[in-house]
Amino acid sequence: MIVVQEIISAWTKQARAADAATARNAVPQQLDFPWLPEVDSASALVHHRIRFHERTNFGTPEHEIDVSEMMPFNRLRFGCVTITQREQLVQVTYAYNVSCGGAPKRATVPRQVFTLARGEWGRVVYNGRWGWGAWTYEQTTLNVLHAESLTQPIFAGEPKTIFRDLADLR
């Protein structure tokens, strides 16, 4: 089973001031699930989407949990991250492009950022800026777990690997 926790913080230029930046920077990098879905398949994908907004001062996030069945050797895409299950391992690849990573431009060469055995988890963090004039900003944290089963806390301890592609978002 693969568990993906996608945490997105979204803001505008107005939230770049000190107080809003402090609240934005306090958004957690991993969270407990608000409820555990029932999963009865070793080939399941559990996707927990969490969204923090400027309008709520980065408190009280929106949660959504989906469970689906994965096809063998299927590539899963989450923004700039691709996840592939190969035999007993899960490979995580990061490939920046402007549609998923926004501005400013960065290296576009796909990079395999980590491989996970069962019971291991890793994290990818990237950010971007979108729009013309009225800029919007996002930071995405993607926690990926190659799991046997679901028990709280899902993402316990520290990740095996952390990959960051954080640009200066002026």
C-alpha atoms as a PDB file:
ATOM      1  CA  MET A   1       0.000   0.000   0.000  1.00  0.00           C
ATOM      2  CA  ILE A   2       1.141   3.520  -0.734  1.00  0.00           C
ATOM      3  CA  VAL A   3       0.037   6.411   1.482  1.00  0.00           C
ATOM      4  CA  VAL A   4       0.449   9.949   0.144  1.00  0.00           C
ATOM      5  CA  GLN A   5      -0.154  12.987   2.325  1.00  0.00           C
ATOM      6  CA  GLU A   6      -0.242  16.179   0.259  1.00  0.00           C
ATOM      7  CA  ILE A   7      -0.097  19.378   2.327  1.00  0.00           C
ATOM      8  CA  ILE A   8      -0.582  22.615   0.376  1.00  0.00           C
ATOM      9  CA  SER A   9      -0.275  26.132   1.795  1.00  0.00           C
ATOM     10  CA  ALA A  10      -1.733  28.836  -0.475  1.00  0.00           C
ATOM     11  CA  TRP A  11      -1.365  32.611  -0.127  1.00  0.00           C
ATOM     12  CA  THR A  12      -1.291  35.948  -1.934  1.00  0.00           C
ATOM     13  CA  LYS A  13       1.099  38.874  -1.831  1.00  0.00           C
ATOM     14  CA  GLN A  14      -0.864  40.343   1.093  1.00  0.00           C
ATOM     15  CA  ALA A  15       0.195  37.381   3.277  1.00  0.00           C
ATOM     16  CA  ARG A  16       3.900  37.989   2.791  1.00  0.00           C
ATOM     17  CA  ALA A  17       4.057  40.381   5.784  1.00  0.00           C
ATOM     18  CA  ALA A  18       5.661  39.244   9.029  1.00  0.00           C
ATOM     19  CA  ASP A  19       2.525  38.081  10.929  1.00  0.00           C
ATOM     20  CA  ALA A  20       1.146  36.083   7.990  1.00  0.00           C
ATOM     21  CA  ALA A  21       4.581  34.682   7.165  1.00  0.00           C
ATOM     22  CA  THR A  22       4.912  33.456  10.759  1.00  0.00           C
ATOM     23  CA  ALA A  23       1.524  31.710  10.559  1.00  0.00           C
ATOM     24  CA  ARG A  24       2.346  30.273   7.120  1.00  0.00           C
ATOM     25  CA  ASN A  25       5.708  28.963   8.276  1.00  0.00           C
ATOM     26  CA  ALA A  26       4.004  27.231  11.224  1.00  0.00           C
ATOM     27  CA  VAL A  27       2.001  24.937   8.908  1.00  0.00           C
ATOM     28  CA  PRO A  28       2.976  21.386   9.931  1.00  0.00           C
ATOM     29  CA  GLN A  29       4.979  19.168   7.569  1.00  0.00           C
ATOM     30  CA  GLN A  30       3.017  16.068   8.603  1.00  0.00           C
ATOM     31  CA  LEU A  31      -0.349  15.536  10.279  1.00  0.00           C
ATOM     32  CA  ASP A  32      -2.374  12.709  11.745  1.00  0.00           C
ATOM     33  CA  PHE A  33      -5.304  11.659   9.599  1.00  0.00           C
ATOM     34  CA  PRO A  34      -8.617  13.070  10.912  1.00  0.00           C
ATOM     35  CA  TRP A  35     -10.028   9.535  10.420  1.00  0.00           C
ATOM     36  CA  LEU A  36      -8.570   6.275   9.142  1.00  0.00           C
ATOM     37  CA  PRO A  37     -10.221   4.903   6.018  1.00  0.00           C
ATOM     38  CA  GLU A  38     -10.919   1.183   5.778  1.00  0.00           C
ATOM     39  CA  VAL A  39      -8.388  -0.366   3.447  1.00  0.00           C
ATOM     40  CA  ASP A  40      -8.507  -4.079   2.649  1.00  0.00           C
ATOM     41  CA  SER A  41      -5.969  -4.294  -0.169  1.00  0.00           C
ATOM     42  CA  ALA A  42      -2.177  -4.383  -0.217  1.00  0.00           C
ATOM     43  CA  SER A  43      -2.303  -2.580  -3.593  1.00  0.00           C
ATOM     44  CA  ALA A  44      -4.303   0.383  -2.316  1.00  0.00           C
ATOM     45  CA  LEU A  45      -3.404   4.045  -2.693  1.00  0.00           C
ATOM     46  CA  VAL A  46      -4.483   6.253   0.213  1.00  0.00           C
ATOM     47  CA  HIS A  47      -4.314   9.956  -0.671  1.00  0.00           C
ATOM     48  CA  HIS A  48      -4.778  12.515   2.118  1.00  0.00           C
ATOM     49  CA  ARG A  49      -5.056  16.074   0.754  1.00  0.00           C
ATOM     50  CA  ILE A  50      -4.749  18.943   3.217  1.00  0.00           C
ATOM     51  CA  ARG A  51      -5.058  22.587   2.221  1.00  0.00           C
ATOM     52  CA  PHE A  52      -4.130  25.590   4.382  1.00  0.00           C
ATOM     53  CA  HIS A  53      -5.286  29.053   3.272  1.00  0.00           C
ATOM     54  CA  GLU A  54      -4.401  32.636   3.944  1.00  0.00           C
ATOM     55  CA  ARG A  55      -8.102  33.433   4.499  1.00  0.00           C
ATOM     56  CA  THR A  56      -8.095  31.233   7.644  1.00  0.00           C
ATOM     57  CA  ASN A  57      -4.679  32.532   8.769  1.00  0.00           C
ATOM     58  CA  PHE A  58      -3.309  29.056   7.952  1.00  0.00           C
ATOM     59  CA  GLY A  59      -5.396  27.378  10.649  1.00  0.00           C
ATOM     60  CA  THR A  60      -8.251  24.866  10.296  1.00  0.00           C
ATOM     61  CA  PRO A  61      -7.212  23.155   7.065  1.00  0.00           C
ATOM     62  CA  GLU A  62      -9.471  21.385   4.585  1.00  0.00           C
ATOM     63  CA  HIS A  63      -9.042  17.595   4.583  1.00  0.00           C
ATOM     64  CA  GLU A  64      -9.933  15.056   1.912  1.00  0.00           C
ATOM     65  CA  ILE A  65      -9.073  11.344   1.940  1.00  0.00           C
ATOM     66  CA  ASP A  66      -9.404   9.087  -1.112  1.00  0.00           C
ATOM     67  CA  VAL A  67      -8.723   5.367  -1.356  1.00  0.00           C
ATOM     68  CA  SER A  68      -8.235   3.720  -4.743  1.00  0.00           C
ATOM     69  CA  GLU A  69      -6.753   0.559  -6.203  1.00  0.00           C
ATOM     70  CA  MET A  70      -3.385   0.805  -7.933  1.00  0.00           C
ATOM     71  CA  MET A  71      -2.578  -1.039 -11.111  1.00  0.00           C
ATOM     72  CA  PRO A  72       0.789  -2.870 -11.197  1.00  0.00           C
ATOM     73  CA  PHE A  73       3.636  -0.643 -12.440  1.00  0.00           C
ATOM     74  CA  ASN A  74       1.259   2.315 -12.572  1.00  0.00           C
ATOM     75  CA  ARG A  75       2.828   5.777 -12.267  1.00  0.00           C
ATOM     76  CA  LEU A  76       1.068   8.024  -9.802  1.00  0.00           C
ATOM     77  CA  ARG A  77       1.376  11.759 -10.370  1.00  0.00           C
ATOM     78  CA  PHE A  78       1.041  14.397  -7.654  1.00  0.00           C
ATOM     79  CA  GLY A  79       2.059  17.818  -8.980  1.00  0.00           C
ATOM     80  CA  CYS A  80       5.794  17.649  -9.773  1.00  0.00           C
ATOM     81  CA  VAL A  81       6.170  14.226  -8.118  1.00  0.00           C
ATOM     82  CA  THR A  82       5.774  10.808  -9.737  1.00  0.00           C
ATOM     83  CA  ILE A  83       5.506   7.654  -7.635  1.00  0.00           C
ATOM     84  CA  THR A  84       6.129   4.216  -9.137  1.00  0.00           C
ATOM     85  CA  GLN A  85       5.848   0.869  -7.391  1.00  0.00           C
ATOM     86  CA  ARG A  86       8.442  -1.653  -8.610  1.00  0.00           C
ATOM     87  CA  GLU A  87       8.357  -5.107  -7.034  1.00  0.00           C
ATOM     88  CA  GLN A  88       8.817  -4.483  -3.299  1.00  0.00           C
ATOM     89  CA  LEU A  89      10.037  -0.885  -3.655  1.00  0.00           C
ATOM     90  CA  VAL A  90       8.436   2.506  -4.239  1.00  0.00           C
ATOM     91  CA  GLN A  91      10.400   5.010  -6.341  1.00  0.00           C
ATOM     92  CA  VAL A  92       9.760   8.746  -5.976  1.00  0.00           C
ATOM     93  CA  THR A  93      10.825  11.079  -8.793  1.00  0.00           C
ATOM     94  CA  TYR A  94      10.714  14.888  -8.849  1.00  0.00           C
ATOM     95  CA  ALA A  95      10.497  16.755 -12.160  1.00  0.00           C
ATOM     96  CA  TYR A  96       9.917  20.513 -12.056  1.00  0.00           C
ATOM     97  CA  ASN A  97       7.862  22.129 -14.793  1.00  0.00           C
ATOM     98  CA  VAL A  98       6.087  25.476 -14.800  1.00  0.00           C
ATOM     99  CA  SER A  99       2.575  23.956 -14.762  1.00  0.00           C
ATOM    100  CA  CYS A 100       3.111  22.118 -11.470  1.00  0.00           C
ATOM    101  CA  GLY A 101       5.915  24.171  -9.912  1.00  0.00           C
ATOM    102  CA  GLY A 102       5.134  27.732 -11.025  1.00  0.00           C
ATOM    103  CA  ALA A 103       7.787  30.422 -11.228  1.00  0.00           C
ATOM    104  CA  PRO A 104      10.668  30.932 -11.027  1.00  0.00           C
ATOM    105  CA  LYS A 105      12.041  28.456 -13.537  1.00  0.00           C
ATOM    106  CA  ARG A 106      14.298  25.704 -12.234  1.00  0.00           C
ATOM    107  CA  ALA A 107      16.097  22.636 -13.546  1.00  0.00           C
ATOM    108  CA  THR A 108      13.644  20.429 -15.456  1.00  0.00           C
ATOM    109  CA  VAL A 109      15.650  17.198 -15.447  1.00  0.00           C
ATOM    110  CA  PRO A 110      13.682  14.446 -13.634  1.00  0.00           C
ATOM    111  CA  ARG A 111      15.467  13.256 -10.487  1.00  0.00           C
ATOM    112  CA  GLN A 112      14.818  10.058  -8.610  1.00  0.00           C
ATOM    113  CA  VAL A 113      14.862  11.558  -5.126  1.00  0.00           C
ATOM    114  CA  PHE A 114      14.374   8.423  -3.030  1.00  0.00           C
ATOM    115  CA  THR A 115      13.349   4.764  -2.992  1.00  0.00           C
ATOM    116  CA  LEU A 116      11.283   3.297  -0.161  1.00  0.00           C
ATOM    117  CA  ALA A 117      11.106  -0.239   1.222  1.00  0.00           C
ATOM    118  CA  ARG A 118       8.042  -1.312   3.227  1.00  0.00           C
ATOM    119  CA  GLY A 119       7.679   0.691   6.401  1.00  0.00           C
ATOM    120  CA  GLU A 120       9.762   3.622   5.141  1.00  0.00           C
ATOM    121  CA  TRP A 121       8.589   7.105   4.272  1.00  0.00           C
ATOM    122  CA  GLY A 122      10.050  10.199   2.667  1.00  0.00           C
ATOM    123  CA  ARG A 123       9.172  13.818   1.990  1.00  0.00           C
ATOM    124  CA  VAL A 124       9.310  16.142  -1.042  1.00  0.00           C
ATOM    125  CA  VAL A 125       8.832  19.906  -0.542  1.00  0.00           C
ATOM    126  CA  TYR A 126       8.598  22.478  -3.342  1.00  0.00           C
ATOM    127  CA  ASN A 127       7.046  25.881  -3.934  1.00  0.00           C
ATOM    128  CA  GLY A 128       5.974  28.183  -6.733  1.00  0.00           C
ATOM    129  CA  ARG A 129       4.355  31.425  -7.807  1.00  0.00           C
ATOM    130  CA  TRP A 130       1.515  31.770 -10.362  1.00  0.00           C
ATOM    131  CA  GLY A 131      -0.246  34.598 -12.174  1.00  0.00           C
ATOM    132  CA  TRP A 132       0.557  37.990 -13.596  1.00  0.00           C
ATOM    133  CA  GLY A 133       0.247  41.072 -11.417  1.00  0.00           C
ATOM    134  CA  ALA A 134      -1.888  39.468  -8.679  1.00  0.00           C
ATOM    135  CA  TRP A 135       0.515  36.697  -7.749  1.00  0.00           C
ATOM    136  CA  THR A 136      -0.566  33.615  -5.844  1.00  0.00           C
ATOM    137  CA  TYR A 137       1.900  31.356  -4.047  1.00  0.00           C
ATOM    138  CA  GLU A 138       1.907  27.731  -2.944  1.00  0.00           C
ATOM    139  CA  GLN A 139       4.139  25.418  -1.015  1.00  0.00           C
ATOM    140  CA  THR A 140       3.533  21.688  -1.401  1.00  0.00           C
ATOM    141  CA  THR A 141       4.754  19.052   1.037  1.00  0.00           C
ATOM    142  CA  LEU A 142       4.310  15.469  -0.132  1.00  0.00           C
ATOM    143  CA  ASN A 143       4.833  12.717   2.429  1.00  0.00           C
ATOM    144  CA  VAL A 144       5.027   9.241   0.873  1.00  0.00           C
ATOM    145  CA  LEU A 145       4.818   6.006   2.888  1.00  0.00           C
ATOM    146  CA  HIS A 146       5.238   2.424   1.662  1.00  0.00           C
ATOM    147  CA  ALA A 147       2.945   0.827   4.250  1.00  0.00           C
ATOM    148  CA  GLU A 148       1.838  -2.597   5.437  1.00  0.00           C
ATOM    149  CA  SER A 149      -1.269  -1.216   7.173  1.00  0.00           C
ATOM    150  CA  LEU A 150      -2.801   1.994   8.484  1.00  0.00           C
ATOM    151  CA  THR A 151      -2.350   2.919  12.144  1.00  0.00           C
ATOM    152  CA  GLN A 152      -2.064   6.334  13.764  1.00  0.00           C
ATOM    153  CA  PRO A 153       0.251   8.102  13.581  1.00  0.00           C
ATOM    154  CA  ILE A 154       0.684   7.316   9.888  1.00  0.00           C
ATOM    155  CA  PHE A 155       3.864   9.381   9.534  1.00  0.00           C
ATOM    156  CA  ALA A 156       5.642   8.670  12.801  1.00  0.00           C
ATOM    157  CA  GLY A 157       9.112   9.969  13.557  1.00  0.00           C
ATOM    158  CA  GLU A 158      11.322  11.490  10.907  1.00  0.00           C
ATOM    159  CA  PRO A 159      11.276  10.675   7.190  1.00  0.00           C
ATOM    160  CA  LYS A 160      14.015   8.478   5.719  1.00  0.00           C
ATOM    161  CA  THR A 161      14.787  11.201   3.174  1.00  0.00           C
ATOM    162  CA  ILE A 162      13.747  14.820   2.601  1.00  0.00           C
ATOM    163  CA  PHE A 163      14.096  16.424  -0.837  1.00  0.00           C
ATOM    164  CA  ARG A 164      13.531  20.191  -1.189  1.00  0.00           C
ATOM    165  CA  ASP A 165      13.219  22.426  -4.240  1.00  0.00           C
ATOM    166  CA  LEU A 166      12.355  25.743  -2.598  1.00  0.00           C
ATOM    167  CA  ALA A 167      12.834  28.827  -4.754  1.00  0.00           C
ATOM    168  CA  ASP A 168      12.962  32.452  -3.645  1.00  0.00           C
ATOM    169  CA  LEU A 169       9.390  33.563  -4.446  1.00  0.00           C
ATOM    170  CA  ARG A 170       9.912  37.354  -4.411  1.00  0.00           C
END
